[in-house]
Amino acid sequence: MSGGQRRRVLVAQGLAQGADLLPLDEPAGALDRSAREAIARVLDEVTGEGVTVVQATHDLAAARRAGHCLLLDGGRVVAAGPPSEVVGEVGRGRAGRLPER
């Protein structure tokens, strides 16, 4: 099983549990564009249904879709708030360079 297939299976397992909280670590990492978009649609849908999704990501597009962001640098929170404010911290040099997708 490829890394991308494994990530999709892990997201599906989390969703199948029907929990109110879905913690994810880089759920779209190693996926092609169409698979990333499919994961994003599913996560948008479940958050619309009241599921809280907490995800660690380096994907700025995913961060921009969040309801709230924490920006970490060296394990410390350096910014917190709406994505429109926090993702801008990356552009100001806080936490290095994150890949734009």
C-alpha atoms as a PDB file:
ATOM      1  CA  MET A   1       0.000   0.000   0.000  1.00  0.00           C
ATOM      2  CA  SER A   2       1.387   3.410  -0.943  1.00  0.00           C
ATOM      3  CA  GLY A   3       1.821   6.210   1.584  1.00  0.00           C
ATOM      4  CA  GLY A   4      -1.070   8.115   0.024  1.00  0.00           C
ATOM      5  CA  GLN A   5      -3.359   5.077   0.174  1.00  0.00           C
ATOM      6  CA  ARG A   6      -2.419   4.514   3.805  1.00  0.00           C
ATOM      7  CA  ARG A   7      -3.291   8.139   4.681  1.00  0.00           C
ATOM      8  CA  ARG A   8      -6.699   7.812   3.012  1.00  0.00           C
ATOM      9  CA  VAL A   9      -7.384   4.607   4.940  1.00  0.00           C
ATOM     10  CA  LEU A  10      -6.433   6.279   8.238  1.00  0.00           C
ATOM     11  CA  VAL A  11      -8.745   9.236   7.552  1.00  0.00           C
ATOM     12  CA  ALA A  12     -11.557   6.823   6.609  1.00  0.00           C
ATOM     13  CA  GLN A  13     -11.012   4.846   9.827  1.00  0.00           C
ATOM     14  CA  GLY A  14     -11.247   8.010  11.886  1.00  0.00           C
ATOM     15  CA  LEU A  15     -14.450   9.028  10.132  1.00  0.00           C
ATOM     16  CA  ALA A  16     -15.972   5.556  10.485  1.00  0.00           C
ATOM     17  CA  GLN A  17     -15.654   5.766  14.266  1.00  0.00           C
ATOM     18  CA  GLY A  18     -18.206   8.576  14.276  1.00  0.00           C
ATOM     19  CA  ALA A  19     -16.382  10.507  16.994  1.00  0.00           C
ATOM     20  CA  ASP A  20     -16.987  14.186  17.740  1.00  0.00           C
ATOM     21  CA  LEU A  21     -13.233  14.841  17.561  1.00  0.00           C
ATOM     22  CA  LEU A  22     -11.026  13.808  14.659  1.00  0.00           C
ATOM     23  CA  PRO A  23      -7.285  14.334  15.292  1.00  0.00           C
ATOM     24  CA  LEU A  24      -5.210  14.116  12.107  1.00  0.00           C
ATOM     25  CA  ASP A  25      -1.497  14.395  11.386  1.00  0.00           C
ATOM     26  CA  GLU A  26      -0.808  15.629   7.841  1.00  0.00           C
ATOM     27  CA  PRO A  27      -3.935  13.941   6.422  1.00  0.00           C
ATOM     28  CA  ALA A  28      -3.199  15.097   2.872  1.00  0.00           C
ATOM     29  CA  GLY A  29       0.551  14.540   2.938  1.00  0.00           C
ATOM     30  CA  ALA A  30       1.933  12.441   0.055  1.00  0.00           C
ATOM     31  CA  LEU A  31      -1.367  12.711  -1.831  1.00  0.00           C
ATOM     32  CA  ASP A  32      -1.876  14.003  -5.344  1.00  0.00           C
ATOM     33  CA  ARG A  33      -3.975  17.099  -5.929  1.00  0.00           C
ATOM     34  CA  SER A  34      -7.271  15.297  -6.565  1.00  0.00           C
ATOM     35  CA  ALA A  35      -6.877  13.159  -3.435  1.00  0.00           C
ATOM     36  CA  ARG A  36      -6.012  16.259  -1.345  1.00  0.00           C
ATOM     37  CA  GLU A  37      -9.118  17.989  -2.658  1.00  0.00           C
ATOM     38  CA  ALA A  38     -11.259  14.929  -1.850  1.00  0.00           C
ATOM     39  CA  ILE A  39      -9.907  14.834   1.711  1.00  0.00           C
ATOM     40  CA  ALA A  40     -10.552  18.580   2.060  1.00  0.00           C
ATOM     41  CA  ARG A  41     -14.172  18.169   0.896  1.00  0.00           C
ATOM     42  CA  VAL A  42     -14.781  15.350   3.365  1.00  0.00           C
ATOM     43  CA  LEU A  43     -13.234  17.314   6.239  1.00  0.00           C
ATOM     44  CA  ASP A  44     -15.309  20.385   5.329  1.00  0.00           C
ATOM     45  CA  GLU A  45     -18.417  18.196   5.321  1.00  0.00           C
ATOM     46  CA  VAL A  46     -17.790  16.615   8.714  1.00  0.00           C
ATOM     47  CA  THR A  47     -16.946  19.945  10.324  1.00  0.00           C
ATOM     48  CA  GLY A  48     -20.242  21.208   8.947  1.00  0.00           C
ATOM     49  CA  GLU A  49     -21.892  18.318  10.783  1.00  0.00           C
ATOM     50  CA  GLY A  50     -20.327  19.389  14.071  1.00  0.00           C
ATOM     51  CA  VAL A  51     -17.197  17.214  14.168  1.00  0.00           C
ATOM     52  CA  THR A  52     -14.134  19.010  15.499  1.00  0.00           C
ATOM     53  CA  VAL A  53     -11.137  18.367  13.268  1.00  0.00           C
ATOM     54  CA  VAL A  54      -7.696  19.034  14.737  1.00  0.00           C
ATOM     55  CA  GLN A  55      -4.948  18.606  12.202  1.00  0.00           C
ATOM     56  CA  ALA A  56      -1.233  19.165  12.145  1.00  0.00           C
ATOM     57  CA  THR A  57      -0.258  20.381   8.696  1.00  0.00           C
ATOM     58  CA  HIS A  58       2.357  22.190   6.680  1.00  0.00           C
ATOM     59  CA  ASP A  59      -0.207  22.697   3.903  1.00  0.00           C
ATOM     60  CA  LEU A  60      -1.114  26.393   3.809  1.00  0.00           C
ATOM     61  CA  ALA A  61      -4.290  25.725   1.812  1.00  0.00           C
ATOM     62  CA  ALA A  62      -5.501  23.362   4.542  1.00  0.00           C
ATOM     63  CA  ALA A  63      -4.549  25.876   7.223  1.00  0.00           C
ATOM     64  CA  ARG A  64      -6.527  28.605   5.457  1.00  0.00           C
ATOM     65  CA  ARG A  65      -9.685  26.430   5.583  1.00  0.00           C
ATOM     66  CA  ALA A  66      -9.435  25.997   9.351  1.00  0.00           C
ATOM     67  CA  GLY A  67     -11.650  27.787  11.812  1.00  0.00           C
ATOM     68  CA  HIS A  68      -8.700  28.510  14.107  1.00  0.00           C
ATOM     69  CA  CYS A  69      -4.935  28.117  13.698  1.00  0.00           C
ATOM     70  CA  LEU A  70      -1.957  27.736  15.967  1.00  0.00           C
ATOM     71  CA  LEU A  71       1.456  28.429  14.484  1.00  0.00           C
ATOM     72  CA  LEU A  72       4.257  26.538  16.192  1.00  0.00           C
ATOM     73  CA  ASP A  73       7.963  27.240  16.015  1.00  0.00           C
ATOM     74  CA  GLY A  74      10.304  24.953  17.905  1.00  0.00           C
ATOM     75  CA  GLY A  75       7.353  23.446  19.767  1.00  0.00           C
ATOM     76  CA  ARG A  76       6.120  26.833  21.010  1.00  0.00           C
ATOM     77  CA  VAL A  77       2.980  28.680  19.963  1.00  0.00           C
ATOM     78  CA  VAL A  78       4.075  31.865  18.196  1.00  0.00           C
ATOM     79  CA  ALA A  79       0.663  32.856  16.805  1.00  0.00           C
ATOM     80  CA  ALA A  80      -2.946  31.855  17.354  1.00  0.00           C
ATOM     81  CA  GLY A  81      -6.198  33.009  15.858  1.00  0.00           C
ATOM     82  CA  PRO A  82      -8.086  33.128  12.564  1.00  0.00           C
ATOM     83  CA  PRO A  83      -6.218  31.672   9.581  1.00  0.00           C
ATOM     84  CA  SER A  84      -6.233  35.042   7.824  1.00  0.00           C
ATOM     85  CA  GLU A  85      -4.034  36.388  10.622  1.00  0.00           C
ATOM     86  CA  VAL A  86      -1.963  33.341  11.554  1.00  0.00           C
ATOM     87  CA  VAL A  87      -1.064  32.120   8.078  1.00  0.00           C
ATOM     88  CA  GLY A  88       0.255  35.624   7.419  1.00  0.00           C
ATOM     89  CA  GLU A  89       2.809  35.028  10.191  1.00  0.00           C
ATOM     90  CA  VAL A  90       4.527  32.537   7.893  1.00  0.00           C
ATOM     91  CA  GLY A  91       5.054  35.295   5.341  1.00  0.00           C
ATOM     92  CA  ARG A  92       6.644  37.440   8.037  1.00  0.00           C
ATOM     93  CA  GLY A  93       9.280  34.802   8.710  1.00  0.00           C
ATOM     94  CA  ARG A  94       7.789  33.189  11.828  1.00  0.00           C
ATOM     95  CA  ALA A  95       8.314  29.370  11.612  1.00  0.00           C
ATOM     96  CA  GLY A  96      10.397  29.155   8.478  1.00  0.00           C
ATOM     97  CA  ARG A  97       9.083  28.277   5.055  1.00  0.00           C
ATOM     98  CA  LEU A  98       5.975  26.173   4.608  1.00  0.00           C
ATOM     99  CA  PRO A  99       5.120  24.628   1.238  1.00  0.00           C
ATOM    100  CA  GLU A 100       2.388  26.350  -0.769  1.00  0.00           C
ATOM    101  CA  ARG A 101       0.118  23.846  -2.497  1.00  0.00           C
END
